[in-house]
């Protein structure tokens, strides 16, 4: 991808990347002028931010949090010191996650959000075995009922992911849409396999609801904001602690 780079004489360095790609640029009388498709544009004079040549663009920031580089850590939250929340894409050397901008809460002047995993973490304590399914009934092309010989009770919840662990390697078979007594009804859309009578079944909590955070030596974050208004971001922090196996 092509970018336009900005150089600051005040800091003697390259300070930012811009998504606009002009045909020519020139500075004159404290303004930046550029040409696009043969037309002249003067920059930084309109109220609509991140709009170049009539097209809106997002602001993005990518950086790394790497406290105690030799220790595996659990990253639980992101906090933003600024006047707006941002969408966050997050990844470590072991896992990936995200925070939607609408999930941030304003607390004591900062925007605070819990990190959600992109996928179900079957190694966490929130993932457990249910037991051997007695019968599997296919209700439709996208729905099946798993019937057990015991009351499933509250051990499994709506939107949990269900796996067939009979072979020792869990295979995703559906998402819980209903739990009633001995029966668990699952939506099989996007399933990687199916279950048969007598197979051992386990579940993993919904990663959005669980908020278990990300494990890894470091965490790379990419923040994105699509606002066309004035947005400031002064600092970024994460609540983390050493991970013990």
Protein backbone atom coordinates (compact mmCIF):
# COMPACT_ATOMS: atom_id res chain seq x y z
CA UNK A 1 0.00 0.00 0.00
CA UNK A 2 1.26 3.48 -0.89
CA UNK A 3 1.41 6.28 1.69
CA UNK A 4 2.35 9.93 1.81
CA UNK A 5 4.93 10.57 4.56
CA UNK A 6 5.08 13.76 6.62
CA UNK A 7 8.37 15.21 7.86
CA UNK A 8 8.56 17.69 10.75
CA UNK A 9 11.43 20.15 10.80
CA UNK A 10 10.62 20.84 14.45
CA UNK A 11 11.35 17.28 15.59
CA UNK A 12 13.74 16.50 12.72
CA UNK A 13 11.93 13.29 11.85
CA UNK A 14 9.11 11.54 10.02
CA UNK A 15 5.96 12.01 12.10
CA UNK A 16 3.05 10.41 10.25
CA UNK A 17 1.66 8.51 7.28
CA UNK A 18 -1.25 9.83 5.21
CA UNK A 19 -3.57 7.82 2.98
CA UNK A 20 -3.93 10.50 0.30
CA UNK A 21 -1.74 10.18 -2.80
CA UNK A 22 -1.33 13.50 -4.61
CA UNK A 23 0.21 14.04 -8.02
CA UNK A 24 2.21 17.01 -6.73
CA UNK A 25 2.62 18.89 -3.42
CA UNK A 26 3.94 22.33 -2.49
CA UNK A 27 4.02 24.41 0.67
CA UNK A 28 3.23 28.11 0.42
CA UNK A 29 2.21 30.81 2.94
CA UNK A 30 1.95 28.23 5.78
CA UNK A 31 -0.47 26.03 3.79
CA UNK A 32 0.00 22.72 2.02
CA UNK A 33 -1.29 22.56 -1.54
CA UNK A 34 -1.62 19.42 -3.62
CA UNK A 35 -2.90 18.38 -7.03
CA UNK A 36 -5.15 15.38 -7.67
CA UNK A 37 -6.61 14.55 -11.08
CA UNK A 38 -5.40 17.93 -12.25
CA UNK A 39 -7.31 19.85 -9.54
CA UNK A 40 -5.77 22.06 -6.84
CA UNK A 41 -6.52 21.40 -3.15
CA UNK A 42 -5.55 23.38 -0.04
CA UNK A 43 -5.18 21.22 3.05
CA UNK A 44 -6.26 21.79 6.69
CA UNK A 45 -8.94 24.35 5.90
CA UNK A 46 -12.13 22.24 6.11
CA UNK A 47 -13.99 21.17 9.28
CA UNK A 48 -14.38 17.58 8.07
CA UNK A 49 -11.34 15.67 9.35
CA UNK A 50 -9.64 12.84 7.44
CA UNK A 51 -11.33 13.85 4.20
CA UNK A 52 -9.01 14.06 1.22
CA UNK A 53 -10.16 14.77 -2.33
CA UNK A 54 -13.78 14.14 -1.28
CA UNK A 55 -13.12 10.75 0.34
CA UNK A 56 -13.28 9.96 4.07
CA UNK A 57 -10.39 7.95 5.55
CA UNK A 58 -9.83 6.36 8.99
CA UNK A 59 -7.06 7.26 11.41
CA UNK A 60 -4.90 4.27 12.44
CA UNK A 61 -2.14 3.80 15.00
CA UNK A 62 -0.03 0.63 15.30
CA UNK A 63 2.43 -0.02 18.13
CA UNK A 64 3.61 -2.68 20.60
CA UNK A 65 3.32 -3.12 24.38
CA UNK A 66 6.31 -5.15 25.58
CA UNK A 67 6.85 -4.75 29.34
CA UNK A 68 9.15 -7.43 30.80
CA UNK A 69 10.07 -8.90 27.37
CA UNK A 70 11.24 -12.27 28.74
CA UNK A 71 8.00 -13.01 30.65
CA UNK A 72 4.77 -14.44 29.24
CA UNK A 73 1.98 -12.07 30.23
CA UNK A 74 -1.82 -11.96 30.22
CA UNK A 75 -3.13 -8.73 28.66
CA UNK A 76 -6.61 -8.02 30.04
CA UNK A 77 -7.56 -4.48 29.05
CA UNK A 78 -6.77 -1.46 26.93
CA UNK A 79 -7.22 2.08 28.25
CA UNK A 80 -7.15 5.16 26.04
CA UNK A 81 -6.35 8.66 27.28
CA UNK A 82 -8.19 10.91 24.86
CA UNK A 83 -11.57 12.28 23.87
CA UNK A 84 -12.94 9.29 21.92
CA UNK A 85 -12.89 5.49 21.80
CA UNK A 86 -11.25 3.52 18.97
CA UNK A 87 -11.68 0.08 17.40
CA UNK A 88 -8.75 -2.12 18.48
CA UNK A 89 -7.22 -5.12 16.69
CA UNK A 90 -4.82 -6.96 18.99
CA UNK A 91 -2.38 -9.82 18.60
CA UNK A 92 0.38 -11.50 20.58
CA UNK A 93 2.81 -14.25 19.62
CA UNK A 94 0.21 -16.74 20.97
CA UNK A 95 -3.27 -15.35 20.22
CA UNK A 96 -5.40 -12.60 18.68
CA UNK A 97 -8.23 -10.42 19.95
CA UNK A 98 -10.17 -7.21 19.50
CA UNK A 99 -12.22 -4.49 21.20
CA UNK A 100 -15.10 -2.81 19.40
CA UNK A 101 -15.17 0.95 19.94
CA UNK A 102 -18.69 0.68 21.42
CA UNK A 103 -17.39 -1.62 24.19
CA UNK A 104 -15.19 1.06 25.78
CA UNK A 105 -16.48 2.73 28.95
CA UNK A 106 -15.49 6.24 30.04
CA UNK A 107 -14.01 6.00 33.55
CA UNK A 108 -12.20 8.86 35.30
CA UNK A 109 -11.47 10.57 32.00
CA UNK A 110 -10.10 7.48 30.18
CA UNK A 111 -11.78 5.01 27.85
CA UNK A 112 -11.49 1.51 29.31
CA UNK A 113 -12.24 -1.78 27.48
CA UNK A 114 -11.81 -5.52 28.07
CA UNK A 115 -9.96 -7.54 25.43
CA UNK A 116 -12.00 -10.27 23.71
CA UNK A 117 -10.45 -13.28 21.99
CA UNK A 118 -11.04 -13.89 18.30
CA UNK A 119 -11.58 -17.59 18.95
CA UNK A 120 -12.61 -19.93 21.76
CA UNK A 121 -9.75 -20.70 24.13
CA UNK A 122 -10.08 -24.42 24.86
CA UNK A 123 -7.10 -24.35 27.24
CA UNK A 124 -8.80 -21.97 29.67
CA UNK A 125 -10.77 -22.98 32.75
CA UNK A 126 -13.90 -21.65 31.04
CA UNK A 127 -13.78 -24.65 28.65
CA UNK A 128 -15.06 -27.90 30.14
CA UNK A 129 -16.32 -31.33 29.19
CA UNK A 130 -20.04 -32.09 29.29
CA UNK A 131 -19.98 -35.86 28.85
CA UNK A 132 -20.99 -38.52 26.33
CA UNK A 133 -24.03 -37.61 24.26
CA UNK A 134 -26.76 -40.24 24.30
CA UNK A 135 -28.46 -39.38 21.01
CA UNK A 136 -27.91 -36.82 18.25
CA UNK A 137 -31.03 -35.71 16.38
CA UNK A 138 -30.72 -33.64 13.19
CA UNK A 139 -33.64 -31.20 13.21
CA UNK A 140 -32.75 -29.31 10.02
CA UNK A 141 -29.81 -28.47 7.80
CA UNK A 142 -28.62 -25.92 10.40
CA UNK A 143 -29.90 -27.34 13.69
CA UNK A 144 -29.26 -30.45 15.79
CA UNK A 145 -30.27 -31.61 19.27
CA UNK A 146 -27.77 -33.28 21.60
CA UNK A 147 -29.56 -35.39 24.24
CA UNK A 148 -27.75 -36.54 27.39
CA UNK A 149 -28.73 -39.02 30.12
CA UNK A 150 -28.34 -36.32 32.78
CA UNK A 151 -29.61 -32.81 33.36
CA UNK A 152 -27.14 -30.40 31.71
CA UNK A 153 -28.39 -27.66 34.02
CA UNK A 154 -26.46 -24.39 33.95
CA UNK A 155 -23.06 -25.78 32.98
CA UNK A 156 -23.50 -24.50 29.40
CA UNK A 157 -24.90 -21.17 28.17
CA UNK A 158 -26.35 -19.60 25.04
CA UNK A 159 -23.77 -18.82 22.32
CA UNK A 160 -21.19 -21.20 23.80
CA UNK A 161 -19.28 -23.22 21.21
CA UNK A 162 -19.73 -27.01 21.27
CA UNK A 163 -17.03 -29.51 20.23
CA UNK A 164 -16.84 -33.22 19.52
CA UNK A 165 -13.77 -34.33 21.50
CA UNK A 166 -14.11 -38.07 20.88
CA UNK A 167 -10.86 -38.34 18.90
CA UNK A 168 -8.89 -36.25 21.40
CA UNK A 169 -8.76 -33.30 18.99
CA UNK A 170 -11.82 -31.05 19.56
CA UNK A 171 -13.87 -30.44 16.40
CA UNK A 172 -16.33 -27.53 16.33
CA UNK A 173 -19.88 -28.84 15.75
CA UNK A 174 -22.08 -25.84 16.52
CA UNK A 175 -23.17 -22.96 18.75
CA UNK A 176 -25.69 -23.29 21.57
CA UNK A 177 -29.09 -21.74 20.83
CA UNK A 178 -31.12 -23.48 23.55
CA UNK A 179 -30.60 -25.52 26.73
CA UNK A 180 -33.48 -27.41 28.34
CA UNK A 181 -32.96 -30.17 30.87
CA UNK A 182 -31.24 -33.08 29.15
CA UNK A 183 -31.18 -31.44 25.71
CA UNK A 184 -28.81 -28.94 24.09
CA UNK A 185 -29.89 -27.49 20.74
CA UNK A 186 -27.06 -26.19 18.55
CA UNK A 187 -26.82 -24.14 15.37
CA UNK A 188 -24.52 -26.11 13.07
CA UNK A 189 -23.86 -23.27 10.60
CA UNK A 190 -20.11 -23.11 9.94
CA UNK A 191 -19.42 -26.36 11.81
CA UNK A 192 -16.24 -28.28 11.04
CA UNK A 193 -17.81 -31.65 11.76
CA UNK A 194 -20.66 -33.42 13.56
CA UNK A 195 -21.26 -35.72 16.51
CA UNK A 196 -22.62 -39.25 16.70
CA UNK A 197 -24.33 -41.17 19.48
CA UNK A 198 -21.87 -41.86 22.31
CA UNK A 199 -19.29 -39.20 21.34
CA UNK A 200 -17.68 -37.16 24.12
CA UNK A 201 -18.82 -33.50 24.00
CA UNK A 202 -17.16 -30.40 25.43
CA UNK A 203 -17.87 -26.68 25.25
CA UNK A 204 -16.01 -23.35 25.24
CA UNK A 205 -17.37 -20.06 26.47
CA UNK A 206 -18.32 -17.35 24.01
CA UNK A 207 -15.06 -15.35 23.59
CA UNK A 208 -16.93 -12.01 23.56
CA UNK A 209 -18.67 -12.76 26.85
CA UNK A 210 -15.67 -14.40 28.52
CA UNK A 211 -13.10 -11.57 28.19
CA UNK A 212 -10.22 -13.83 29.14
CA UNK A 213 -7.62 -11.53 27.56
CA UNK A 214 -4.58 -12.48 25.48
CA UNK A 215 -1.44 -14.36 26.51
CA UNK A 216 1.99 -13.70 25.05
CA UNK A 217 5.39 -12.09 25.44
CA UNK A 218 4.20 -8.89 23.74
CA UNK A 219 1.00 -7.40 22.34
CA UNK A 220 0.75 -5.48 19.08
CA UNK A 221 -2.26 -3.19 18.81
CA UNK A 222 -3.81 -1.41 15.86
CA UNK A 223 -6.29 1.35 16.72
CA UNK A 224 -8.70 2.73 14.13
CA UNK A 225 -11.05 5.70 14.35
CA UNK A 226 -13.48 6.66 11.57
CA UNK A 227 -14.62 9.97 13.06
CA UNK A 228 -14.71 13.02 10.80
CA UNK A 229 -14.53 15.30 13.86
CA UNK A 230 -11.57 16.48 15.94
CA UNK A 231 -10.15 13.50 17.90
CA UNK A 232 -7.21 13.52 20.34
CA UNK A 233 -5.29 10.53 21.72
CA UNK A 234 -2.60 11.21 24.34
CA UNK A 235 -1.76 7.82 25.79
CA UNK A 236 -2.42 4.07 25.57
CA UNK A 237 -2.08 1.59 28.43
CA UNK A 238 -2.89 -2.05 29.19
CA UNK A 239 -3.68 -3.88 32.42
CA UNK A 240 -1.47 -6.97 32.40
CA UNK A 241 0.08 -9.49 34.75
CA UNK A 242 2.56 -12.34 34.55
CA UNK A 243 1.02 -15.56 33.25
CA UNK A 244 1.71 -18.72 35.24
CA UNK A 245 1.22 -22.11 33.48
